[in-house]
Amino acid sequence: MIKRIIELLDKQGPLTGKELYDRIPSDELTLWRICNKSEEIILRKFGRRFLRLDKQVEGYARLSPSIKREFLTYTVAGLEKDCQEIEAKLKSLHAEIKNISRQKFKLAGDIIKKIVQCQKEPETVTECTCFIIAGDIIYEMAHSVPRPEKSTGRLVKGSDLDIIAVTKNLPEESIKELDRSIYQEKYYLLKNPSYREEIDYIVKDMSRVKTQLKFNTFKFMIASKIMHEGKLLYGSRKIFEKIKKMILERKIPEKLCVIEEKAVANRKEAESYLLRSTAEIGEEEYLKLFYTKQEKEEIF
């Protein structure tokens, strides 16, 4: 197989892991192993890795993208004679995911702005709510690879729009109406072939934020991480800055840093183990080491 891969790269030039996988009859793990062990194949990655909390991993410490996703989507393989072409392809692909991230950020902002302006008292909602966006988009790692949305099975365009709406002193009826409006827009975007985007969202108040920042359960840890990494999408900057201040006061960044250091170590150990081993691995090991079916976080 190594000979076939080298012949393919020699003929067609640098290819992403996915492009290799589409042309070579093999499973992703075997292909990843062969490419990483070969002295003739150059592998270059683009984008960045970031912390993703995973309940299936000890200490919840995992890096995203997974080894499989990183290889298929964010890795370019080539031969030494094609170094310039490899660099050119890397730059082009990196620019593409940055552009996808910017487009999704803008789309999310436009959607929320439209929703707020359709509320009975849009000025009150704007003053009493901050909308935060998180996830792949924030790290400029959003992709548009089609994938099935979990509740309907409909194919959506890659990374979802992770949106957190935090309210303060907003009347209960206004909160319910805001939630209903976002929910309706969520399913409109799923069904409309012009969009096929997924919104993953939650509406919560400041008291819930304070509780979640205790960082003492898995769900609270995820919620704290999302609020820490999130950027203001729309609404009250005052509420947004208050949340960020609370995050610093509770030393959430330091706590996440400790987990991320463990995640980096876990990734090194996983790569080393997968390269040392030549045998097939069970599904449980596969999901812990190479890939996770939930290549996303839940919003709490």
Protein backbone atom coordinates (compact mmCIF):
# COMPACT_ATOMS: atom_id res chain seq x y z
CA MET A 1 0.00 0.00 0.00
CA ILE A 2 2.85 2.39 0.74
CA LYS A 3 3.97 2.00 -2.87
CA ARG A 4 0.48 2.89 -4.14
CA ILE A 5 0.33 5.97 -1.92
CA ILE A 6 3.72 7.23 -3.10
CA GLU A 7 2.82 6.59 -6.75
CA LEU A 8 -0.43 8.51 -6.25
CA LEU A 9 1.32 11.48 -4.61
CA ASP A 10 3.98 11.45 -7.32
CA LYS A 11 1.32 11.56 -10.03
CA GLN A 12 -1.26 13.91 -8.48
CA GLY A 13 0.84 16.02 -6.12
CA PRO A 14 -0.01 16.87 -2.47
CA LEU A 15 -3.34 15.57 -1.15
CA THR A 16 -5.29 15.94 2.07
CA GLY A 17 -5.88 12.86 4.21
CA LYS A 18 -9.48 12.75 2.95
CA GLU A 19 -8.34 12.92 -0.67
CA LEU A 20 -5.94 10.03 -0.03
CA TYR A 21 -8.68 8.05 1.71
CA ASP A 22 -11.05 8.56 -1.24
CA ARG A 23 -8.43 7.19 -3.67
CA ILE A 24 -6.82 4.38 -1.65
CA PRO A 25 -8.92 1.35 -0.56
CA SER A 26 -8.13 1.28 3.16
CA ASP A 27 -9.50 2.31 6.55
CA GLU A 28 -8.51 5.68 8.00
CA LEU A 29 -6.40 4.29 10.87
CA THR A 30 -4.29 2.07 8.60
CA LEU A 31 -3.78 4.94 6.17
CA TRP A 32 -2.78 7.28 9.01
CA ARG A 33 -0.30 4.74 10.36
CA ILE A 34 1.34 4.14 6.97
CA CYS A 35 1.70 7.84 6.19
CA ASN A 36 3.15 8.63 9.63
CA LYS A 37 5.65 5.77 9.53
CA SER A 38 6.91 6.43 6.01
CA GLU A 39 10.18 8.35 5.61
CA GLU A 40 9.23 9.28 2.05
CA ILE A 41 5.90 10.92 2.82
CA ILE A 42 5.81 14.44 4.27
CA LEU A 43 2.81 15.26 6.46
CA ARG A 44 2.02 18.88 7.26
CA LYS A 45 -0.85 20.03 9.46
CA PHE A 46 -2.64 23.38 9.45
CA GLY A 47 -5.04 25.07 11.85
CA ARG A 48 -4.74 24.50 15.58
CA ARG A 49 -5.58 22.05 18.34
CA PHE A 50 -7.73 23.08 21.28
CA LEU A 51 -9.20 21.56 24.42
CA ARG A 52 -12.42 19.61 24.20
CA LEU A 53 -13.82 17.99 27.33
CA ASP A 54 -14.75 14.35 26.75
CA LYS A 55 -16.63 12.30 29.33
CA GLN A 56 -15.20 9.07 27.89
CA VAL A 57 -11.59 10.07 28.61
CA GLU A 58 -9.92 9.97 32.04
CA GLY A 59 -9.81 13.47 33.47
CA TYR A 60 -12.03 14.61 30.55
CA ALA A 61 -8.84 15.85 28.83
CA ARG A 62 -8.92 15.57 25.06
CA LEU A 63 -7.66 17.66 22.16
CA SER A 64 -9.76 18.61 19.18
CA PRO A 65 -9.73 17.88 16.33
CA SER A 66 -9.36 14.15 16.97
CA ILE A 67 -6.45 12.31 15.33
CA LYS A 68 -8.79 11.03 12.61
CA ARG A 69 -10.38 14.42 11.90
CA GLU A 70 -7.00 16.15 11.96
CA PHE A 71 -5.63 13.66 9.42
CA LEU A 72 -8.60 13.75 7.06
CA THR A 73 -9.39 17.47 7.12
CA TYR A 74 -6.37 19.39 8.41
CA THR A 75 -3.37 17.40 7.06
CA VAL A 76 -1.63 17.57 3.68
CA ALA A 77 0.53 14.65 2.48
CA GLY A 78 3.16 14.98 -0.22
CA LEU A 79 6.64 14.07 -1.39
CA GLU A 80 9.85 15.98 -0.76
CA LYS A 81 10.06 17.07 -4.40
CA ASP A 82 6.72 18.86 -3.97
CA CYS A 83 7.57 20.94 -0.87
CA GLN A 84 6.48 24.21 -2.47
CA GLU A 85 3.19 22.69 -3.63
CA ILE A 86 2.60 21.34 -0.11
CA GLU A 87 3.11 24.81 1.37
CA ALA A 88 0.84 26.39 -1.24
CA LYS A 89 -1.92 23.86 -0.53
CA LEU A 90 -1.54 24.37 3.23
CA LYS A 91 -1.95 28.14 2.89
CA SER A 92 -4.95 27.76 0.60
CA LEU A 93 -6.73 25.29 2.90
CA HIS A 94 -5.94 27.33 6.01
CA ALA A 95 -7.34 30.46 4.35
CA GLU A 96 -10.44 28.47 3.42
CA ILE A 97 -11.26 27.35 6.99
CA LYS A 98 -10.65 30.88 8.26
CA ASN A 99 -13.08 32.18 5.66
CA ILE A 100 -15.67 29.52 6.57
CA SER A 101 -15.29 30.53 10.23
CA ARG A 102 -15.80 34.21 9.42
CA GLN A 103 -18.85 33.45 7.27
CA LYS A 104 -20.43 31.33 9.99
CA PHE A 105 -19.69 34.02 12.60
CA LYS A 106 -21.40 36.62 10.42
CA LEU A 107 -24.34 34.33 9.70
CA ALA A 108 -24.84 33.69 13.43
CA GLY A 109 -24.75 37.41 14.15
CA ASP A 110 -27.24 38.20 11.40
CA ILE A 111 -29.59 35.47 12.62
CA ILE A 112 -29.56 36.66 16.24
CA LYS A 113 -29.97 40.29 15.23
CA LYS A 114 -33.01 39.39 13.13
CA ILE A 115 -34.51 37.33 15.96
CA VAL A 116 -34.02 40.11 18.53
CA GLN A 117 -35.49 42.77 16.26
CA CYS A 118 -38.62 40.64 15.85
CA GLN A 119 -39.26 40.47 19.62
CA LYS A 120 -42.04 42.54 21.19
CA GLU A 121 -39.50 44.73 23.01
CA PRO A 122 -36.23 44.41 21.04
CA GLU A 123 -34.47 47.20 22.95
CA THR A 124 -35.14 45.51 26.29
CA VAL A 125 -33.94 42.15 24.97
CA THR A 126 -30.77 43.75 23.61
CA GLU A 127 -30.07 45.55 26.89
CA CYS A 128 -30.79 42.52 29.09
CA THR A 129 -29.19 39.75 27.03
CA CYS A 130 -25.76 38.97 25.70
CA PHE A 131 -25.34 36.41 22.94
CA ILE A 132 -22.06 34.50 23.02
CA ILE A 133 -20.67 32.34 20.23
CA ALA A 134 -18.23 29.50 20.91
CA GLY A 135 -16.89 26.28 19.38
CA ASP A 136 -14.88 25.69 16.21
CA ILE A 137 -15.74 29.13 14.83
CA ILE A 138 -13.91 30.90 17.67
CA TYR A 139 -10.72 28.96 16.95
CA GLU A 140 -11.05 29.62 13.19
CA MET A 141 -11.36 25.86 12.71
CA ALA A 142 -14.90 25.69 11.29
CA HIS A 143 -15.38 23.35 8.35
CA SER A 144 -18.14 22.73 5.83
CA VAL A 145 -17.84 18.94 5.49
CA PRO A 146 -21.46 17.62 5.33
CA ARG A 147 -22.57 15.67 8.41
CA PRO A 148 -25.91 14.41 9.77
CA GLU A 149 -27.63 16.54 12.42
CA LYS A 150 -28.27 14.26 15.41
CA SER A 151 -32.01 14.87 16.00
CA THR A 152 -33.27 14.83 12.40
CA GLY A 153 -30.52 13.04 10.46
CA ARG A 154 -30.53 15.87 7.90
CA LEU A 155 -27.16 16.73 6.40
CA VAL A 156 -25.79 20.08 7.55
CA LYS A 157 -22.80 22.09 6.38
CA GLY A 158 -20.04 21.14 8.80
CA SER A 159 -19.47 22.98 12.08
CA ASP A 160 -22.56 24.10 13.94
CA LEU A 161 -23.29 27.55 15.38
CA ASP A 162 -22.80 27.28 19.17
CA ILE A 163 -24.75 30.17 20.72
CA ILE A 164 -25.28 30.95 24.41
CA ALA A 165 -27.83 33.62 25.36
CA VAL A 166 -27.34 34.94 28.90
CA THR A 167 -30.10 37.12 30.32
CA LYS A 168 -30.15 39.49 33.29
CA ASN A 169 -33.38 41.04 34.58
CA LEU A 170 -35.26 40.03 31.44
CA PRO A 171 -38.97 39.25 32.11
CA GLU A 172 -39.82 35.55 32.10
CA GLU A 173 -42.27 35.88 29.22
CA SER A 174 -39.63 37.64 27.14
CA ILE A 175 -37.18 34.82 27.87
CA LYS A 176 -39.72 32.21 26.75
CA GLU A 177 -40.49 34.12 23.57
CA LEU A 178 -36.79 34.53 22.79
CA ASP A 179 -36.24 30.79 23.29
CA ARG A 180 -39.18 29.97 21.01
CA SER A 181 -37.88 32.30 18.33
CA ILE A 182 -34.38 30.79 18.31
CA TYR A 183 -35.89 27.29 18.24
CA GLN A 184 -38.02 28.16 15.21
CA GLU A 185 -35.03 29.64 13.42
CA LYS A 186 -32.97 26.56 14.26
CA TYR A 187 -35.35 24.28 12.36
CA TYR A 188 -35.81 26.73 9.51
CA LEU A 189 -32.06 26.70 8.92
CA LEU A 190 -31.96 22.89 9.10
CA LYS A 191 -34.73 22.41 6.54
CA ASN A 192 -33.88 25.23 4.15
CA PRO A 193 -31.56 23.85 1.43
CA SER A 194 -30.06 27.31 0.98
CA TYR A 195 -28.64 27.13 4.52
CA ARG A 196 -28.50 23.58 6.00
CA GLU A 197 -26.85 25.03 9.10
CA GLU A 198 -27.26 23.76 12.67
CA ILE A 199 -27.71 26.07 15.65
CA ASP A 200 -26.86 24.51 19.02
CA TYR A 201 -28.05 26.96 21.66
CA ILE A 202 -29.11 27.56 25.25
CA VAL A 203 -30.87 30.45 26.97
CA LYS A 204 -29.96 30.93 30.65
CA ASP A 205 -29.83 33.66 33.26
CA MET A 206 -26.94 35.04 35.33
CA SER A 207 -27.84 32.97 38.38
CA ARG A 208 -27.30 29.81 36.37
CA VAL A 209 -23.98 31.16 35.09
CA LYS A 210 -22.82 31.73 38.68
CA THR A 211 -23.77 28.17 39.60
CA GLN A 212 -22.01 26.69 36.57
CA LEU A 213 -18.81 28.60 37.31
CA LYS A 214 -18.38 26.43 40.41
CA PHE A 215 -16.71 24.08 37.91
CA ASN A 216 -17.49 21.05 40.09
CA THR A 217 -19.36 18.77 37.66
CA PHE A 218 -18.68 17.68 34.08
CA LYS A 219 -21.57 19.78 32.74
CA PHE A 220 -20.46 22.82 34.72
CA MET A 221 -16.91 22.39 33.43
CA ILE A 222 -18.15 22.39 29.83
CA ALA A 223 -20.37 25.41 30.44
CA SER A 224 -17.48 27.29 32.07
CA LYS A 225 -15.14 26.43 29.20
CA ILE A 226 -17.64 27.60 26.59
CA MET A 227 -18.20 30.92 28.37
CA HIS A 228 -14.45 31.37 28.82
CA GLU A 229 -13.63 30.84 25.15
CA GLY A 230 -16.74 32.55 23.78
CA LYS A 231 -16.88 35.88 21.98
CA LEU A 232 -19.63 38.47 22.08
CA LEU A 233 -21.92 37.95 19.11
CA TYR A 234 -24.70 40.45 19.84
CA GLY A 235 -26.44 42.24 22.69
CA SER A 236 -25.19 43.59 26.02
CA ARG A 237 -21.43 44.10 26.27
CA LYS A 238 -21.95 45.00 29.95
CA ILE A 239 -23.34 41.52 30.73
CA PHE A 240 -20.63 39.91 28.61
CA GLU A 241 -17.85 41.71 30.48
CA LYS A 242 -19.45 40.80 33.82
CA ILE A 243 -19.34 37.11 32.84
CA LYS A 244 -15.70 37.38 31.79
CA LYS A 245 -14.85 39.06 35.10
CA MET A 246 -16.54 36.27 37.06
CA ILE A 247 -14.60 33.70 35.02
CA LEU A 248 -11.30 35.33 35.97
CA GLU A 249 -12.31 35.67 39.64
CA ARG A 250 -13.05 31.94 39.81
CA LYS A 251 -9.74 31.10 38.10
CA ILE A 252 -11.44 29.17 35.31
CA PRO A 253 -8.59 29.83 32.80
CA GLU A 254 -6.04 28.31 35.19
CA LYS A 255 -8.21 25.25 35.78
CA LEU A 256 -8.71 24.73 32.06
CA CYS A 257 -4.99 25.17 31.43
CA VAL A 258 -4.22 22.24 33.74
CA ILE A 259 -6.70 20.06 31.86
CA GLU A 260 -5.32 21.16 28.48
CA GLU A 261 -1.78 20.21 29.50
CA LYS A 262 -3.10 16.74 30.32
CA ALA A 263 -4.91 16.65 26.96
CA VAL A 264 -1.65 17.41 25.14
CA ALA A 265 0.07 14.57 27.00
CA ASN A 266 -2.85 12.24 26.23
CA ARG A 267 -2.59 13.05 22.52
CA LYS A 268 1.12 12.25 22.46
CA GLU A 269 0.53 8.96 24.26
CA ALA A 270 -2.35 8.04 21.92
CA GLU A 271 -0.32 8.77 18.77
CA SER A 272 2.66 6.84 20.11
CA TYR A 273 0.51 3.84 21.05
CA LEU A 274 -1.31 3.76 17.71
CA LEU A 275 1.96 3.90 15.79
CA ARG A 276 3.64 1.19 17.91
CA SER A 277 0.72 -1.18 17.60
CA THR A 278 0.07 -2.96 14.32
CA ALA A 279 -2.94 -4.96 15.46
CA GLU A 280 -6.55 -3.93 15.04
CA ILE A 281 -7.99 -2.12 18.04
CA GLY A 282 -11.43 -2.53 19.57
CA GLU A 283 -14.21 0.01 19.15
CA GLU A 284 -13.75 1.36 22.69
CA GLU A 285 -10.05 2.02 22.13
CA TYR A 286 -10.77 3.43 18.69
CA LEU A 287 -13.19 5.97 20.12
CA LYS A 288 -10.89 6.92 22.99
CA LEU A 289 -7.69 7.21 20.97
CA PHE A 290 -8.37 7.86 17.29
CA TYR A 291 -11.81 9.38 16.94
CA THR A 292 -14.88 10.40 18.87
CA LYS A 293 -18.37 10.10 17.41
CA GLN A 294 -19.24 13.32 19.24
CA GLU A 295 -16.79 15.66 17.57
CA LYS A 296 -18.60 18.50 19.32
CA GLU A 297 -19.51 19.79 22.75
CA GLU A 298 -22.95 19.94 24.25
CA ILE A 299 -24.27 23.33 25.30
CA PHE A 300 -25.33 23.59 28.96
